[in-house]
Amino acid sequence: MPTHRNHSYDIHRYKINSSVDVMTEGKCHVLNLVEGESADVVTRAGETFHLNYAETLVVSAAALSYRIVNTSGHEIMMVKAFMK
């Protein structure tokens, strides 16, 4: 879901059946579960945050990386917004 090149932010969508690893690349990420029942976000430090449908989580750039784990039993979609 690309944004206009002049926008200061970007948005990525992840369709996830099992899990996906994401690098913060020095950026703060805002995650929202837009399809599916639930997901866990696990940071590199081992902290786990549970999200239900339509819930939002802000991941600090200091996390360096995190894993989104599908806990719904069917495909989910997570939207990630961040500053370019």
PDB file of N, CA and C in Angstrom:
ATOM      1  N   MET A   1       0.851  -1.161   0.000  1.00  0.00           N
ATOM      2  CA  MET A   1       0.000   0.000   0.000  1.00  0.00           C
ATOM      3  C   MET A   1       0.905   1.236   0.000  1.00  0.00           C
ATOM      4  N   PRO A   2       1.438   1.620  -1.136  1.00  0.00           N
ATOM      5  CA  PRO A   2       2.389   2.737  -1.178  1.00  0.00           C
ATOM      6  C   PRO A   2       1.705   4.077  -0.929  1.00  0.00           C
ATOM      7  N   THR A   3       2.467   4.989  -0.377  1.00  0.00           N
ATOM      8  CA  THR A   3       1.991   6.354  -0.181  1.00  0.00           C
ATOM      9  C   THR A   3       2.648   7.251  -1.220  1.00  0.00           C
ATOM     10  N   HIS A   4       2.143   8.445  -1.341  1.00  0.00           N
ATOM     11  CA  HIS A   4       2.719   9.418  -2.261  1.00  0.00           C
ATOM     12  C   HIS A   4       4.157   9.711  -1.847  1.00  0.00           C
ATOM     13  N   ARG A   5       5.055   9.894  -2.803  1.00  0.00           N
ATOM     14  CA  ARG A   5       6.480  10.071  -2.493  1.00  0.00           C
ATOM     15  C   ARG A   5       6.750  11.302  -1.637  1.00  0.00           C
ATOM     16  N   ASN A   6       5.840  12.283  -1.645  1.00  0.00           N
ATOM     17  CA  ASN A   6       6.032  13.487  -0.835  1.00  0.00           C
ATOM     18  C   ASN A   6       5.508  13.344   0.590  1.00  0.00           C
ATOM     19  N   HIS A   7       4.805  12.249   0.893  1.00  0.00           N
ATOM     20  CA  HIS A   7       4.320  12.042   2.261  1.00  0.00           C
ATOM     21  C   HIS A   7       5.497  11.717   3.164  1.00  0.00           C
ATOM     22  N   SER A   8       5.406  12.122   4.398  1.00  0.00           N
ATOM     23  CA  SER A   8       6.494  11.894   5.350  1.00  0.00           C
ATOM     24  C   SER A   8       6.417  10.520   6.013  1.00  0.00           C
ATOM     25  N   TYR A   9       5.347   9.784   5.736  1.00  0.00           N
ATOM     26  CA  TYR A   9       5.158   8.464   6.340  1.00  0.00           C
ATOM     27  C   TYR A   9       4.992   7.405   5.253  1.00  0.00           C
ATOM     28  N   ASP A  10       5.080   6.149   5.664  1.00  0.00           N
ATOM     29  CA  ASP A  10       4.819   5.034   4.753  1.00  0.00           C
ATOM     30  C   ASP A  10       4.002   3.995   5.501  1.00  0.00           C
ATOM     31  N   ILE A  11       3.333   3.147   4.764  1.00  0.00           N
ATOM     32  CA  ILE A  11       2.488   2.100   5.341  1.00  0.00           C
ATOM     33  C   ILE A  11       2.807   0.789   4.636  1.00  0.00           C
ATOM     34  N   HIS A  12       3.036  -0.259   5.442  1.00  0.00           N
ATOM     35  CA  HIS A  12       3.238  -1.609   4.909  1.00  0.00           C
ATOM     36  C   HIS A  12       2.150  -2.522   5.457  1.00  0.00           C
ATOM     37  N   ARG A  13       1.722  -3.467   4.647  1.00  0.00           N
ATOM     38  CA  ARG A  13       0.757  -4.484   5.086  1.00  0.00           C
ATOM     39  C   ARG A  13       1.447  -5.818   5.108  1.00  0.00           C
ATOM     40  N   TYR A  14       1.160  -6.604   6.128  1.00  0.00           N
ATOM     41  CA  TYR A  14       1.689  -7.957   6.232  1.00  0.00           C
ATOM     42  C   TYR A  14       0.519  -8.931   6.313  1.00  0.00           C
ATOM     43  N   LYS A  15       0.427  -9.845   5.341  1.00  0.00           N
ATOM     44  CA  LYS A  15      -0.506 -10.963   5.426  1.00  0.00           C
ATOM     45  C   LYS A  15       0.291 -12.127   5.994  1.00  0.00           C
ATOM     46  N   ILE A  16      -0.141 -12.635   7.143  1.00  0.00           N
ATOM     47  CA  ILE A  16       0.682 -13.583   7.899  1.00  0.00           C
ATOM     48  C   ILE A  16      -0.097 -14.853   8.192  1.00  0.00           C
ATOM     49  N   ASN A  17       0.487 -15.984   7.814  1.00  0.00           N
ATOM     50  CA  ASN A  17      -0.094 -17.283   8.156  1.00  0.00           C
ATOM     51  C   ASN A  17       0.555 -17.865   9.408  1.00  0.00           C
ATOM     52  N   SER A  18       1.851 -17.650   9.578  1.00  0.00           N
ATOM     53  CA  SER A  18       2.529 -18.176  10.771  1.00  0.00           C
ATOM     54  C   SER A  18       3.220 -17.037  11.522  1.00  0.00           C
ATOM     55  N   SER A  19       4.337 -16.533  11.002  1.00  0.00           N
ATOM     56  CA  SER A  19       5.031 -15.412  11.647  1.00  0.00           C
ATOM     57  C   SER A  19       5.898 -14.687  10.627  1.00  0.00           C
ATOM     58  N   VAL A  20       6.312 -13.482  11.004  1.00  0.00           N
ATOM     59  CA  VAL A  20       7.203 -12.685  10.165  1.00  0.00           C
ATOM     60  C   VAL A  20       8.128 -11.891  11.083  1.00  0.00           C
ATOM     61  N   ASP A  21       9.403 -11.785  10.704  1.00  0.00           N
ATOM     62  CA  ASP A  21      10.379 -10.989  11.440  1.00  0.00           C
ATOM     63  C   ASP A  21      10.500  -9.623  10.779  1.00  0.00           C
ATOM     64  N   VAL A  22      10.539  -8.576  11.607  1.00  0.00           N
ATOM     65  CA  VAL A  22      10.578  -7.208  11.107  1.00  0.00           C
ATOM     66  C   VAL A  22      11.713  -6.454  11.802  1.00  0.00           C
ATOM     67  N   MET A  23      12.509  -5.722  11.028  1.00  0.00           N
ATOM     68  CA  MET A  23      13.575  -4.860  11.561  1.00  0.00           C
ATOM     69  C   MET A  23      13.014  -3.436  11.670  1.00  0.00           C
ATOM     70  N   THR A  24      13.325  -2.745  12.754  1.00  0.00           N
ATOM     71  CA  THR A  24      12.833  -1.371  12.900  1.00  0.00           C
ATOM     72  C   THR A  24      13.632  -0.382  12.058  1.00  0.00           C
ATOM     73  N   GLU A  25      14.864  -0.702  11.722  1.00  0.00           N
ATOM     74  CA  GLU A  25      15.727   0.161  10.910  1.00  0.00           C
ATOM     75  C   GLU A  25      15.767   1.589  11.443  1.00  0.00           C
ATOM     76  N   GLY A  26      15.786   1.712  12.780  1.00  0.00           N
ATOM     77  CA  GLY A  26      15.884   3.021  13.400  1.00  0.00           C
ATOM     78  C   GLY A  26      14.599   3.826  13.399  1.00  0.00           C
ATOM     79  N   LYS A  27      13.475   3.196  13.099  1.00  0.00           N
ATOM     80  CA  LYS A  27      12.188   3.892  13.021  1.00  0.00           C
ATOM     81  C   LYS A  27      11.218   3.324  14.051  1.00  0.00           C
ATOM     82  N   CYS A  28      10.372   4.175  14.592  1.00  0.00           N
ATOM     83  CA  CYS A  28       9.269   3.756  15.452  1.00  0.00           C
ATOM     84  C   CYS A  28       8.171   3.192  14.542  1.00  0.00           C
ATOM     85  N   HIS A  29       7.580   2.057  14.906  1.00  0.00           N
ATOM     86  CA  HIS A  29       6.514   1.441  14.110  1.00  0.00           C
ATOM     87  C   HIS A  29       5.201   1.469  14.878  1.00  0.00           C
ATOM     88  N   VAL A  30       4.121   1.774  14.192  1.00  0.00           N
ATOM     89  CA  VAL A  30       2.782   1.702  14.762  1.00  0.00           C
ATOM     90  C   VAL A  30       2.075   0.549  14.060  1.00  0.00           C
ATOM     91  N   LEU A  31       1.703  -0.483  14.835  1.00  0.00           N
ATOM     92  CA  LEU A  31       1.077  -1.691  14.293  1.00  0.00           C
ATOM     93  C   LEU A  31      -0.401  -1.709  14.634  1.00  0.00           C
ATOM     94  N   ASN A  32      -1.219  -2.188  13.690  1.00  0.00           N
ATOM     95  CA  ASN A  32      -2.647  -2.370  13.936  1.00  0.00           C
ATOM     96  C   ASN A  32      -3.084  -3.659  13.280  1.00  0.00           C
ATOM     97  N   LEU A  33      -3.757  -4.511  14.051  1.00  0.00           N
ATOM     98  CA  LEU A  33      -4.285  -5.771  13.521  1.00  0.00           C
ATOM     99  C   LEU A  33      -5.615  -5.479  12.851  1.00  0.00           C
ATOM    100  N   VAL A  34      -5.656  -5.542  11.521  1.00  0.00           N
ATOM    101  CA  VAL A  34      -6.850  -5.158  10.770  1.00  0.00           C
ATOM    102  C   VAL A  34      -7.662  -6.340  10.252  1.00  0.00           C
ATOM    103  N   GLU A  35      -7.085  -7.538  10.249  1.00  0.00           N
ATOM    104  CA  GLU A  35      -7.812  -8.755   9.878  1.00  0.00           C
ATOM    105  C   GLU A  35      -7.312  -9.894  10.741  1.00  0.00           C
ATOM    106  N   GLY A  36      -8.237 -10.707  11.223  1.00  0.00           N
ATOM    107  CA  GLY A  36      -7.879 -11.829  12.081  1.00  0.00           C
ATOM    108  C   GLY A  36      -8.220 -11.534  13.523  1.00  0.00           C
ATOM    109  N   GLU A  37      -8.179 -12.582  14.328  1.00  0.00           N
ATOM    110  CA  GLU A  37      -8.607 -12.456  15.721  1.00  0.00           C
ATOM    111  C   GLU A  37      -7.508 -11.957  16.651  1.00  0.00           C
ATOM    112  N   SER A  38      -6.275 -12.466  16.474  1.00  0.00           N
ATOM    113  CA  SER A  38      -5.230 -12.112  17.428  1.00  0.00           C
ATOM    114  C   SER A  38      -3.839 -12.379  16.875  1.00  0.00           C
ATOM    115  N   ALA A  39      -2.867 -11.701  17.496  1.00  0.00           N
ATOM    116  CA  ALA A  39      -1.461 -11.889  17.142  1.00  0.00           C
ATOM    117  C   ALA A  39      -0.615 -11.516  18.347  1.00  0.00           C
ATOM    118  N   ASP A  40       0.579 -12.084  18.423  1.00  0.00           N
ATOM    119  CA  ASP A  40       1.560 -11.703  19.428  1.00  0.00           C
ATOM    120  C   ASP A  40       2.694 -10.973  18.726  1.00  0.00           C
ATOM    121  N   VAL A  41       3.200  -9.938  19.366  1.00  0.00           N
ATOM    122  CA  VAL A  41       4.386  -9.232  18.893  1.00  0.00           C
ATOM    123  C   VAL A  41       5.468  -9.497  19.933  1.00  0.00           C
ATOM    124  N   VAL A  42       6.538 -10.146  19.488  1.00  0.00           N
ATOM    125  CA  VAL A  42       7.624 -10.554  20.388  1.00  0.00           C
ATOM    126  C   VAL A  42       8.874  -9.751  20.033  1.00  0.00           C
ATOM    127  N   THR A  43       9.392  -9.014  21.011  1.00  0.00           N
ATOM    128  CA  THR A  43      10.574  -8.192  20.764  1.00  0.00           C
ATOM    129  C   THR A  43      11.838  -9.028  20.863  1.00  0.00           C
ATOM    130  N   ARG A  44      12.919  -8.462  20.386  1.00  0.00           N
ATOM    131  CA  ARG A  44      14.230  -9.114  20.457  1.00  0.00           C
ATOM    132  C   ARG A  44      14.615  -9.418  21.907  1.00  0.00           C
ATOM    133  N   ALA A  45      14.149  -8.577  22.844  1.00  0.00           N
ATOM    134  CA  ALA A  45      14.441  -8.758  24.268  1.00  0.00           C
ATOM    135  C   ALA A  45      13.547  -9.825  24.910  1.00  0.00           C
ATOM    136  N   GLY A  46      12.608 -10.384  24.131  1.00  0.00           N
ATOM    137  CA  GLY A  46      11.754 -11.448  24.640  1.00  0.00           C
ATOM    138  C   GLY A  46      10.430 -10.992  25.232  1.00  0.00           C
ATOM    139  N   GLU A  47      10.139  -9.701  25.159  1.00  0.00           N
ATOM    140  CA  GLU A  47       8.852  -9.205  25.641  1.00  0.00           C
ATOM    141  C   GLU A  47       7.761  -9.571  24.632  1.00  0.00           C
ATOM    142  N   THR A  48       6.605 -10.023  25.129  1.00  0.00           N
ATOM    143  CA  THR A  48       5.494 -10.399  24.262  1.00  0.00           C
ATOM    144  C   THR A  48       4.299  -9.499  24.531  1.00  0.00           C
ATOM    145  N   PHE A  49       3.722  -8.973  23.455  1.00  0.00           N
ATOM    146  CA  PHE A  49       2.535  -8.129  23.530  1.00  0.00           C
ATOM    147  C   PHE A  49       1.444  -8.791  22.706  1.00  0.00           C
ATOM    148  N   HIS A  50       0.284  -9.017  23.311  1.00  0.00           N
ATOM    149  CA  HIS A  50      -0.828  -9.678  22.633  1.00  0.00           C
ATOM    150  C   HIS A  50      -1.763  -8.618  22.063  1.00  0.00           C
ATOM    151  N   LEU A  51      -2.114  -8.746  20.788  1.00  0.00           N
ATOM    152  CA  LEU A  51      -3.069  -7.844  20.150  1.00  0.00           C
ATOM    153  C   LEU A  51      -4.293  -8.621  19.711  1.00  0.00           C
ATOM    154  N   ASN A  52      -5.460  -8.051  19.949  1.00  0.00           N
ATOM    155  CA  ASN A  52      -6.703  -8.577  19.406  1.00  0.00           C
ATOM    156  C   ASN A  52      -7.116  -7.708  18.228  1.00  0.00           C
ATOM    157  N   TYR A  53      -8.096  -8.158  17.465  1.00  0.00           N
ATOM    158  CA  TYR A  53      -8.568  -7.421  16.296  1.00  0.00           C
ATOM    159  C   TYR A  53      -8.781  -5.943  16.627  1.00  0.00           C
ATOM    160  N   ALA A  54      -8.267  -5.077  15.761  1.00  0.00           N
ATOM    161  CA  ALA A  54      -8.414  -3.615  15.804  1.00  0.00           C
ATOM    162  C   ALA A  54      -7.582  -2.944  16.898  1.00  0.00           C
ATOM    163  N   GLU A  55      -6.740  -3.688  17.604  1.00  0.00           N
ATOM    164  CA  GLU A  55      -5.879  -3.071  18.610  1.00  0.00           C
ATOM    165  C   GLU A  55      -4.583  -2.578  17.972  1.00  0.00           C
ATOM    166  N   THR A  56      -3.965  -1.608  18.632  1.00  0.00           N
ATOM    167  CA  THR A  56      -2.771  -0.937  18.125  1.00  0.00           C
ATOM    168  C   THR A  56      -1.630  -1.065  19.122  1.00  0.00           C
ATOM    169  N   LEU A  57      -0.423  -1.196  18.594  1.00  0.00           N
ATOM    170  CA  LEU A  57       0.784  -1.255  19.416  1.00  0.00           C
ATOM    171  C   LEU A  57       1.844  -0.368  18.782  1.00  0.00           C
ATOM    172  N   VAL A  58       2.540   0.415  19.602  1.00  0.00           N
ATOM    173  CA  VAL A  58       3.665   1.221  19.137  1.00  0.00           C
ATOM    174  C   VAL A  58       4.939   0.506  19.552  1.00  0.00           C
ATOM    175  N   VAL A  59       5.810   0.241  18.563  1.00  0.00           N
ATOM    176  CA  VAL A  59       7.091  -0.420  18.808  1.00  0.00           C
ATOM    177  C   VAL A  59       8.196   0.617  18.661  1.00  0.00           C
ATOM    178  N   SER A  60       8.967   0.774  19.704  1.00  0.00           N
ATOM    179  CA  SER A  60      10.060   1.738  19.707  1.00  0.00           C
ATOM    180  C   SER A  60      11.156   1.330  18.716  1.00  0.00           C
ATOM    181  N   ALA A  61      11.817   2.310  18.148  1.00  0.00           N
ATOM    182  CA  ALA A  61      12.955   2.041  17.270  1.00  0.00           C
ATOM    183  C   ALA A  61      14.045   1.294  18.023  1.00  0.00           C
ATOM    184  N   ALA A  62      14.126   1.505  19.342  1.00  0.00           N
ATOM    185  CA  ALA A  62      15.142   0.857  20.170  1.00  0.00           C
ATOM    186  C   ALA A  62      14.951  -0.653  20.263  1.00  0.00           C
ATOM    187  N   ALA A  63      13.781  -1.154  19.860  1.00  0.00           N
ATOM    188  CA  ALA A  63      13.540  -2.605  19.880  1.00  0.00           C
ATOM    189  C   ALA A  63      14.433  -3.319  18.872  1.00  0.00           C
ATOM    190  N   LEU A  64      14.887  -2.620  17.852  1.00  0.00           N
ATOM    191  CA  LEU A  64      15.747  -3.126  16.768  1.00  0.00           C
ATOM    192  C   LEU A  64      15.031  -4.113  15.851  1.00  0.00           C
ATOM    193  N   SER A  65      14.344  -5.100  16.415  1.00  0.00           N
ATOM    194  CA  SER A  65      13.575  -6.051  15.599  1.00  0.00           C
ATOM    195  C   SER A  65      12.499  -6.680  16.468  1.00  0.00           C
ATOM    196  N   TYR A  66      11.517  -7.278  15.797  1.00  0.00           N
ATOM    197  CA  TYR A  66      10.450  -7.975  16.492  1.00  0.00           C
ATOM    198  C   TYR A  66       9.849  -9.012  15.554  1.00  0.00           C
ATOM    199  N   ARG A  67       9.102  -9.926  16.128  1.00  0.00           N
ATOM    200  CA  ARG A  67       8.423 -10.965  15.349  1.00  0.00           C
ATOM    201  C   ARG A  67       6.926 -10.822  15.577  1.00  0.00           C
ATOM    202  N   ILE A  68       6.157 -10.851  14.486  1.00  0.00           N
ATOM    203  CA  ILE A  68       4.699 -10.878  14.575  1.00  0.00           C
ATOM    204  C   ILE A  68       4.285 -12.333  14.398  1.00  0.00           C
ATOM    205  N   VAL A  69       3.571 -12.872  15.393  1.00  0.00           N
ATOM    206  CA  VAL A  69       3.163 -14.275  15.390  1.00  0.00           C
ATOM    207  C   VAL A  69       1.644 -14.348  15.291  1.00  0.00           C
ATOM    208  N   ASN A  70       1.167 -15.036  14.277  1.00  0.00           N
ATOM    209  CA  ASN A  70      -0.269 -15.241  14.096  1.00  0.00           C
ATOM    210  C   ASN A  70      -0.760 -16.228  15.144  1.00  0.00           C
ATOM    211  N   THR A  71      -1.712 -15.821  15.977  1.00  0.00           N
ATOM    212  CA  THR A  71      -2.310 -16.707  16.975  1.00  0.00           C
ATOM    213  C   THR A  71      -3.788 -16.945  16.684  1.00  0.00           C
ATOM    214  N   SER A  72      -4.231 -16.617  15.466  1.00  0.00           N
ATOM    215  CA  SER A  72      -5.642 -16.712  15.093  1.00  0.00           C
ATOM    216  C   SER A  72      -6.050 -18.068  14.530  1.00  0.00           C
ATOM    217  N   GLY A  73      -5.099 -18.819  13.971  1.00  0.00           N
ATOM    218  CA  GLY A  73      -5.461 -20.083  13.336  1.00  0.00           C
ATOM    219  C   GLY A  73      -5.824 -19.941  11.867  1.00  0.00           C
ATOM    220  N   HIS A  74      -5.881 -18.718  11.364  1.00  0.00           N
ATOM    221  CA  HIS A  74      -6.089 -18.454   9.934  1.00  0.00           C
ATOM    222  C   HIS A  74      -5.363 -17.159   9.596  1.00  0.00           C
ATOM    223  N   GLU A  75      -5.224 -16.844   8.323  1.00  0.00           N
ATOM    224  CA  GLU A  75      -4.432 -15.681   7.903  1.00  0.00           C
ATOM    225  C   GLU A  75      -4.897 -14.394   8.586  1.00  0.00           C
ATOM    226  N   ILE A  76      -3.927 -13.579   8.988  1.00  0.00           N
ATOM    227  CA  ILE A  76      -4.205 -12.263   9.559  1.00  0.00           C
ATOM    228  C   ILE A  76      -3.554 -11.200   8.684  1.00  0.00           C
ATOM    229  N   MET A  77      -3.957  -9.944   8.909  1.00  0.00           N
ATOM    230  CA  MET A  77      -3.277  -8.828   8.264  1.00  0.00           C
ATOM    231  C   MET A  77      -2.929  -7.791   9.323  1.00  0.00           C
ATOM    232  N   MET A  78      -1.664  -7.426   9.340  1.00  0.00           N
ATOM    233  CA  MET A  78      -1.157  -6.391  10.245  1.00  0.00           C
ATOM    234  C   MET A  78      -0.715  -5.219   9.384  1.00  0.00           C
ATOM    235  N   VAL A  79      -1.103  -4.017   9.781  1.00  0.00           N
ATOM    236  CA  VAL A  79      -0.662  -2.802   9.086  1.00  0.00           C
ATOM    237  C   VAL A  79       0.398  -2.126   9.942  1.00  0.00           C
ATOM    238  N   LYS A  80       1.492  -1.724   9.294  1.00  0.00           N
ATOM    239  CA  LYS A  80       2.590  -1.023   9.965  1.00  0.00           C
ATOM    240  C   LYS A  80       2.727   0.366   9.363  1.00  0.00           C
ATOM    241  N   ALA A  81       2.660   1.400  10.190  1.00  0.00           N
ATOM    242  CA  ALA A  81       2.890   2.780   9.743  1.00  0.00           C
ATOM    243  C   ALA A  81       4.162   3.288  10.404  1.00  0.00           C
ATOM    244  N   PHE A  82       4.949   4.073   9.656  1.00  0.00           N
ATOM    245  CA  PHE A  82       6.201   4.609  10.170  1.00  0.00           C
ATOM    246  C   PHE A  82       6.610   5.818   9.366  1.00  0.00           C
ATOM    247  N   MET A  83       7.466   6.650   9.949  1.00  0.00           N
ATOM    248  CA  MET A  83       7.988   7.816   9.251  1.00  0.00           C
ATOM    249  C   MET A  83       9.099   7.368   8.310  1.00  0.00           C
ATOM    250  N   LYS A  84       9.119   7.936   7.120  1.00  0.00           N
ATOM    251  CA  LYS A  84      10.138   7.562   6.124  1.00  0.00           C
ATOM    252  C   LYS A  84      11.518   7.974   6.587  1.00  0.00           C
TER     253      LYS A  84
END
